[in-house]
Amino acid sequence: MKPQATIEKTATGFVISKEEAGETEQLETHFESYQAALDFILDQGWQLKRERPDSSLHVETRFLKP
């Protein structure tokens, strides 16, 4: 499985955190824009980790009884 990466905004720019085999590592490289950080992730062959929302208003209606 490819490493999962997240992009976080800091006071100095954007920082990438990489999660692989259950361990999270923050890279020391700072990026000026979100796009530059995203390009770096894609060049490395990593995947951008999508955060799951804490709660969702979506309700599966196909299984509800009328």
PDB file of N, CA and C in Angstrom:
ATOM      1  N   MET A   1       0.837  -1.181   0.000  1.00  0.00           N
ATOM      2  CA  MET A   1       0.000   0.000   0.000  1.00  0.00           C
ATOM      3  C   MET A   1       0.880   1.241   0.000  1.00  0.00           C
ATOM      4  N   LYS A   2       0.438   2.252  -0.737  1.00  0.00           N
ATOM      5  CA  LYS A   2       1.185   3.500  -0.813  1.00  0.00           C
ATOM      6  C   LYS A   2       1.083   4.253   0.498  1.00  0.00           C
ATOM      7  N   PRO A   3       2.112   5.019   0.852  1.00  0.00           N
ATOM      8  CA  PRO A   3       2.032   5.849   2.057  1.00  0.00           C
ATOM      9  C   PRO A   3       0.922   6.891   1.914  1.00  0.00           C
ATOM     10  N   GLN A   4       0.275   7.203   3.012  1.00  0.00           N
ATOM     11  CA  GLN A   4      -0.771   8.215   3.057  1.00  0.00           C
ATOM     12  C   GLN A   4      -0.146   9.513   3.567  1.00  0.00           C
ATOM     13  N   ALA A   5      -0.473  10.625   2.945  1.00  0.00           N
ATOM     14  CA  ALA A   5       0.102  11.909   3.340  1.00  0.00           C
ATOM     15  C   ALA A   5      -1.001  12.924   3.581  1.00  0.00           C
ATOM     16  N   THR A   6      -0.764  13.816   4.535  1.00  0.00           N
ATOM     17  CA  THR A   6      -1.685  14.920   4.804  1.00  0.00           C
ATOM     18  C   THR A   6      -0.917  16.231   4.713  1.00  0.00           C
ATOM     19  N   ILE A   7      -1.630  17.281   4.352  1.00  0.00           N
ATOM     20  CA  ILE A   7      -1.038  18.614   4.238  1.00  0.00           C
ATOM     21  C   ILE A   7      -1.657  19.482   5.325  1.00  0.00           C
ATOM     22  N   GLU A   8      -0.789  20.109   6.128  1.00  0.00           N
ATOM     23  CA  GLU A   8      -1.262  20.959   7.219  1.00  0.00           C
ATOM     24  C   GLU A   8      -0.740  22.383   7.024  1.00  0.00           C
ATOM     25  N   LYS A   9      -1.599  23.358   7.322  1.00  0.00           N
ATOM     26  CA  LYS A   9      -1.203  24.759   7.228  1.00  0.00           C
ATOM     27  C   LYS A   9      -0.549  25.181   8.539  1.00  0.00           C
ATOM     28  N   THR A  10       0.598  25.823   8.436  1.00  0.00           N
ATOM     29  CA  THR A  10       1.295  26.362   9.607  1.00  0.00           C
ATOM     30  C   THR A  10       1.508  27.863   9.399  1.00  0.00           C
ATOM     31  N   ALA A  11       2.138  28.497  10.369  1.00  0.00           N
ATOM     32  CA  ALA A  11       2.397  29.938  10.272  1.00  0.00           C
ATOM     33  C   ALA A  11       3.409  30.256   9.165  1.00  0.00           C
ATOM     34  N   THR A  12       4.294  29.302   8.856  1.00  0.00           N
ATOM     35  CA  THR A  12       5.333  29.544   7.849  1.00  0.00           C
ATOM     36  C   THR A  12       4.992  28.977   6.483  1.00  0.00           C
ATOM     37  N   GLY A  13       3.865  28.304   6.346  1.00  0.00           N
ATOM     38  CA  GLY A  13       3.491  27.733   5.055  1.00  0.00           C
ATOM     39  C   GLY A  13       2.736  26.430   5.250  1.00  0.00           C
ATOM     40  N   PHE A  14       3.063  25.445   4.441  1.00  0.00           N
ATOM     41  CA  PHE A  14       2.399  24.148   4.503  1.00  0.00           C
ATOM     42  C   PHE A  14       3.425  23.061   4.779  1.00  0.00           C
ATOM     43  N   VAL A  15       3.031  22.070   5.596  1.00  0.00           N
ATOM     44  CA  VAL A  15       3.909  20.972   5.981  1.00  0.00           C
ATOM     45  C   VAL A  15       3.202  19.666   5.646  1.00  0.00           C
ATOM     46  N   ILE A  16       3.989  18.666   5.251  1.00  0.00           N
ATOM     47  CA  ILE A  16       3.438  17.355   4.908  1.00  0.00           C
ATOM     48  C   ILE A  16       3.758  16.364   6.016  1.00  0.00           C
ATOM     49  N   SER A  17       2.750  15.579   6.401  1.00  0.00           N
ATOM     50  CA  SER A  17       2.936  14.465   7.330  1.00  0.00           C
ATOM     51  C   SER A  17       2.661  13.185   6.556  1.00  0.00           C
ATOM     52  N   LYS A  18       3.557  12.209   6.682  1.00  0.00           N
ATOM     53  CA  LYS A  18       3.430  10.951   5.960  1.00  0.00           C
ATOM     54  C   LYS A  18       3.143   9.826   6.945  1.00  0.00           C
ATOM     55  N   GLU A  19       2.153   9.016   6.639  1.00  0.00           N
ATOM     56  CA  GLU A  19       1.801   7.878   7.483  1.00  0.00           C
ATOM     57  C   GLU A  19       2.058   6.595   6.695  1.00  0.00           C
ATOM     58  N   GLU A  20       2.931   5.756   7.259  1.00  0.00           N
ATOM     59  CA  GLU A  20       3.270   4.496   6.598  1.00  0.00           C
ATOM     60  C   GLU A  20       3.460   3.427   7.662  1.00  0.00           C
ATOM     61  N   ALA A  21       2.804   2.291   7.479  1.00  0.00           N
ATOM     62  CA  ALA A  21       2.885   1.158   8.410  1.00  0.00           C
ATOM     63  C   ALA A  21       2.514   1.582   9.837  1.00  0.00           C
ATOM     64  N   GLY A  22       1.521   2.464   9.965  1.00  0.00           N
ATOM     65  CA  GLY A  22       1.045   2.877  11.274  1.00  0.00           C
ATOM     66  C   GLY A  22       1.893   3.935  11.961  1.00  0.00           C
ATOM     67  N   GLU A  23       2.969   4.379  11.325  1.00  0.00           N
ATOM     68  CA  GLU A  23       3.839   5.406  11.911  1.00  0.00           C
ATOM     69  C   GLU A  23       3.702   6.702  11.131  1.00  0.00           C
ATOM     70  N   THR A  24       3.569   7.814  11.846  1.00  0.00           N
ATOM     71  CA  THR A  24       3.436   9.126  11.220  1.00  0.00           C
ATOM     72  C   THR A  24       4.745   9.890  11.351  1.00  0.00           C
ATOM     73  N   GLU A  25       5.181  10.448  10.217  1.00  0.00           N
ATOM     74  CA  GLU A  25       6.439  11.208  10.180  1.00  0.00           C
ATOM     75  C   GLU A  25       6.167  12.542   9.504  1.00  0.00           C
ATOM     76  N   GLN A  26       6.591  13.634  10.142  1.00  0.00           N
ATOM     77  CA  GLN A  26       6.418  14.957   9.561  1.00  0.00           C
ATOM     78  C   GLN A  26       7.690  15.341   8.827  1.00  0.00           C
ATOM     79  N   LEU A  27       7.547  15.747   7.568  1.00  0.00           N
ATOM     80  CA  LEU A  27       8.695  16.160   6.782  1.00  0.00           C
ATOM     81  C   LEU A  27       9.145  17.545   7.209  1.00  0.00           C
ATOM     82  N   GLU A  28      10.437  17.804   7.113  1.00  0.00           N
ATOM     83  CA  GLU A  28      10.973  19.098   7.532  1.00  0.00           C
ATOM     84  C   GLU A  28      10.835  20.165   6.454  1.00  0.00           C
ATOM     85  N   THR A  29      10.501  19.756   5.236  1.00  0.00           N
ATOM     86  CA  THR A  29      10.351  20.698   4.132  1.00  0.00           C
ATOM     87  C   THR A  29       9.068  21.504   4.290  1.00  0.00           C
ATOM     88  N   HIS A  30       9.171  22.815   4.117  1.00  0.00           N
ATOM     89  CA  HIS A  30       8.003  23.700   4.159  1.00  0.00           C
ATOM     90  C   HIS A  30       7.697  24.153   2.733  1.00  0.00           C
ATOM     91  N   PHE A  31       6.426  24.241   2.410  1.00  0.00           N
ATOM     92  CA  PHE A  31       6.000  24.645   1.089  1.00  0.00           C
ATOM     93  C   PHE A  31       5.237  25.956   1.176  1.00  0.00           C
ATOM     94  N   GLU A  32       5.383  26.794   0.145  1.00  0.00           N
ATOM     95  CA  GLU A  32       4.734  28.105   0.145  1.00  0.00           C
ATOM     96  C   GLU A  32       3.250  28.015  -0.160  1.00  0.00           C
ATOM     97  N   SER A  33       2.841  26.983  -0.905  1.00  0.00           N
ATOM     98  CA  SER A  33       1.436  26.871  -1.273  1.00  0.00           C
ATOM     99  C   SER A  33       0.959  25.430  -1.115  1.00  0.00           C
ATOM    100  N   TYR A  34      -0.344  25.277  -1.010  1.00  0.00           N
ATOM    101  CA  TYR A  34      -0.951  23.955  -0.916  1.00  0.00           C
ATOM    102  C   TYR A  34      -0.661  23.169  -2.190  1.00  0.00           C
ATOM    103  N   GLN A  35      -0.709  23.854  -3.340  1.00  0.00           N
ATOM    104  CA  GLN A  35      -0.480  23.198  -4.626  1.00  0.00           C
ATOM    105  C   GLN A  35       0.935  22.642  -4.716  1.00  0.00           C
ATOM    106  N   ALA A  36       1.931  23.364  -4.212  1.00  0.00           N
ATOM    107  CA  ALA A  36       3.313  22.883  -4.238  1.00  0.00           C
ATOM    108  C   ALA A  36       3.460  21.633  -3.373  1.00  0.00           C
ATOM    109  N   ALA A  37       2.804  21.613  -2.220  1.00  0.00           N
ATOM    110  CA  ALA A  37       2.839  20.439  -1.344  1.00  0.00           C
ATOM    111  C   ALA A  37       2.143  19.257  -2.002  1.00  0.00           C
ATOM    112  N   LEU A  38       1.015  19.506  -2.645  1.00  0.00           N
ATOM    113  CA  LEU A  38       0.286  18.446  -3.340  1.00  0.00           C
ATOM    114  C   LEU A  38       1.108  17.886  -4.492  1.00  0.00           C
ATOM    115  N   ASP A  39       1.765  18.742  -5.247  1.00  0.00           N
ATOM    116  CA  ASP A  39       2.630  18.284  -6.343  1.00  0.00           C
ATOM    117  C   ASP A  39       3.759  17.409  -5.818  1.00  0.00           C
ATOM    118  N   PHE A  40       4.336  17.776  -4.665  1.00  0.00           N
ATOM    119  CA  PHE A  40       5.399  16.975  -4.063  1.00  0.00           C
ATOM    120  C   PHE A  40       4.890  15.583  -3.696  1.00  0.00           C
ATOM    121  N   ILE A  41       3.701  15.516  -3.098  1.00  0.00           N
ATOM    122  CA  ILE A  41       3.106  14.229  -2.713  1.00  0.00           C
ATOM    123  C   ILE A  41       2.903  13.349  -3.941  1.00  0.00           C
ATOM    124  N   LEU A  42       2.358  13.939  -4.998  1.00  0.00           N
ATOM    125  CA  LEU A  42       2.092  13.166  -6.212  1.00  0.00           C
ATOM    126  C   LEU A  42       3.386  12.720  -6.890  1.00  0.00           C
ATOM    127  N   ASP A  43       4.424  13.562  -6.869  1.00  0.00           N
ATOM    128  CA  ASP A  43       5.727  13.194  -7.451  1.00  0.00           C
ATOM    129  C   ASP A  43       6.350  12.018  -6.712  1.00  0.00           C
ATOM    130  N   GLN A  44       6.101  11.909  -5.402  1.00  0.00           N
ATOM    131  CA  GLN A  44       6.648  10.823  -4.605  1.00  0.00           C
ATOM    132  C   GLN A  44       5.868   9.517  -4.810  1.00  0.00           C
ATOM    133  N   GLY A  45       4.691   9.606  -5.410  1.00  0.00           N
ATOM    134  CA  GLY A  45       3.856   8.428  -5.598  1.00  0.00           C
ATOM    135  C   GLY A  45       3.032   8.089  -4.377  1.00  0.00           C
ATOM    136  N   TRP A  46       2.849   9.071  -3.486  1.00  0.00           N
ATOM    137  CA  TRP A  46       2.059   8.861  -2.280  1.00  0.00           C
ATOM    138  C   TRP A  46       0.601   9.199  -2.564  1.00  0.00           C
ATOM    139  N   GLN A  47      -0.274   8.856  -1.624  1.00  0.00           N
ATOM    140  CA  GLN A  47      -1.685   9.197  -1.726  1.00  0.00           C
ATOM    141  C   GLN A  47      -2.023  10.280  -0.718  1.00  0.00           C
ATOM    142  N   LEU A  48      -2.920  11.177  -1.108  1.00  0.00           N
ATOM    143  CA  LEU A  48      -3.400  12.200  -0.183  1.00  0.00           C
ATOM    144  C   LEU A  48      -4.483  11.570   0.675  1.00  0.00           C
ATOM    145  N   LYS A  49      -4.296  11.608   1.986  1.00  0.00           N
ATOM    146  CA  LYS A  49      -5.241  10.999   2.916  1.00  0.00           C
ATOM    147  C   LYS A  49      -6.451  11.905   3.072  1.00  0.00           C
ATOM    148  N   ARG A  50      -7.605  11.333   2.885  1.00  0.00           N
ATOM    149  CA  ARG A  50      -8.840  12.089   3.064  1.00  0.00           C
ATOM    150  C   ARG A  50      -9.316  11.908   4.487  1.00  0.00           C
ATOM    151  N   GLU A  51      -9.613  13.017   5.108  1.00  0.00           N
ATOM    152  CA  GLU A  51     -10.102  12.979   6.484  1.00  0.00           C
ATOM    153  C   GLU A  51     -11.585  12.649   6.466  1.00  0.00           C
ATOM    154  N   ARG A  52     -11.996  11.746   7.328  1.00  0.00           N
ATOM    155  CA  ARG A  52     -13.410  11.424   7.464  1.00  0.00           C
ATOM    156  C   ARG A  52     -14.074  12.476   8.325  1.00  0.00           C
ATOM    157  N   PRO A  53     -15.211  12.965   7.902  1.00  0.00           N
ATOM    158  CA  PRO A  53     -15.922  13.929   8.758  1.00  0.00           C
ATOM    159  C   PRO A  53     -16.395  13.255  10.046  1.00  0.00           C
ATOM    160  N   ASP A  54     -16.382  14.002  11.139  1.00  0.00           N
ATOM    161  CA  ASP A  54     -16.798  13.466  12.434  1.00  0.00           C
ATOM    162  C   ASP A  54     -18.256  13.035  12.412  1.00  0.00           C
ATOM    163  N   SER A  55     -19.073  13.817  11.790  1.00  0.00           N
ATOM    164  CA  SER A  55     -20.487  13.461  11.709  1.00  0.00           C
ATOM    165  C   SER A  55     -20.983  13.796  10.308  1.00  0.00           C
ATOM    166  N   SER A  56     -21.959  13.075   9.895  1.00  0.00           N
ATOM    167  CA  SER A  56     -22.501  13.290   8.571  1.00  0.00           C
ATOM    168  C   SER A  56     -24.018  13.406   8.672  1.00  0.00           C
ATOM    169  N   LEU A  57     -24.570  14.269   7.868  1.00  0.00           N
ATOM    170  CA  LEU A  57     -26.011  14.406   7.826  1.00  0.00           C
ATOM    171  C   LEU A  57     -26.629  13.463   6.795  1.00  0.00           C
ATOM    172  N   HIS A  58     -25.765  12.724   6.082  1.00  0.00           N
ATOM    173  CA  HIS A  58     -26.232  11.782   5.068  1.00  0.00           C
ATOM    174  C   HIS A  58     -26.890  10.581   5.741  1.00  0.00           C
ATOM    175  N   VAL A  59     -28.066  10.214   5.271  1.00  0.00           N
ATOM    176  CA  VAL A  59     -28.805   9.077   5.820  1.00  0.00           C
ATOM    177  C   VAL A  59     -29.108   8.122   4.670  1.00  0.00           C
ATOM    178  N   GLU A  60     -28.751   6.844   4.832  1.00  0.00           N
ATOM    179  CA  GLU A  60     -29.091   5.857   3.815  1.00  0.00           C
ATOM    180  C   GLU A  60     -30.586   5.625   3.842  1.00  0.00           C
ATOM    181  N   THR A  61     -31.268   6.017   2.792  1.00  0.00           N
ATOM    182  CA  THR A  61     -32.720   5.902   2.766  1.00  0.00           C
ATOM    183  C   THR A  61     -33.195   4.601   2.149  1.00  0.00           C
ATOM    184  N   ARG A  62     -32.354   3.903   1.425  1.00  0.00           N
ATOM    185  CA  ARG A  62     -32.820   2.695   0.741  1.00  0.00           C
ATOM    186  C   ARG A  62     -33.112   1.550   1.714  1.00  0.00           C
ATOM    187  N   PHE A  63     -32.594   1.612   2.935  1.00  0.00           N
ATOM    188  CA  PHE A  63     -32.839   0.557   3.903  1.00  0.00           C
ATOM    189  C   PHE A  63     -33.887   0.915   4.951  1.00  0.00           C
ATOM    190  N   LEU A  64     -34.408   2.125   4.886  1.00  0.00           N
ATOM    191  CA  LEU A  64     -35.442   2.555   5.821  1.00  0.00           C
ATOM    192  C   LEU A  64     -36.786   1.964   5.403  1.00  0.00           C
ATOM    193  N   LYS A  65     -37.557   1.520   6.380  1.00  0.00           N
ATOM    194  CA  LYS A  65     -38.896   0.987   6.079  1.00  0.00           C
ATOM    195  C   LYS A  65     -39.866   2.150   5.884  1.00  0.00           C
ATOM    196  N   PRO A  66     -40.797   2.013   4.951  1.00  0.00           N
ATOM    197  CA  PRO A  66     -41.750   3.106   4.716  1.00  0.00           C
ATOM    198  C   PRO A  66     -42.759   3.250   5.844  1.00  0.00           C
TER     199      PRO A  66
END
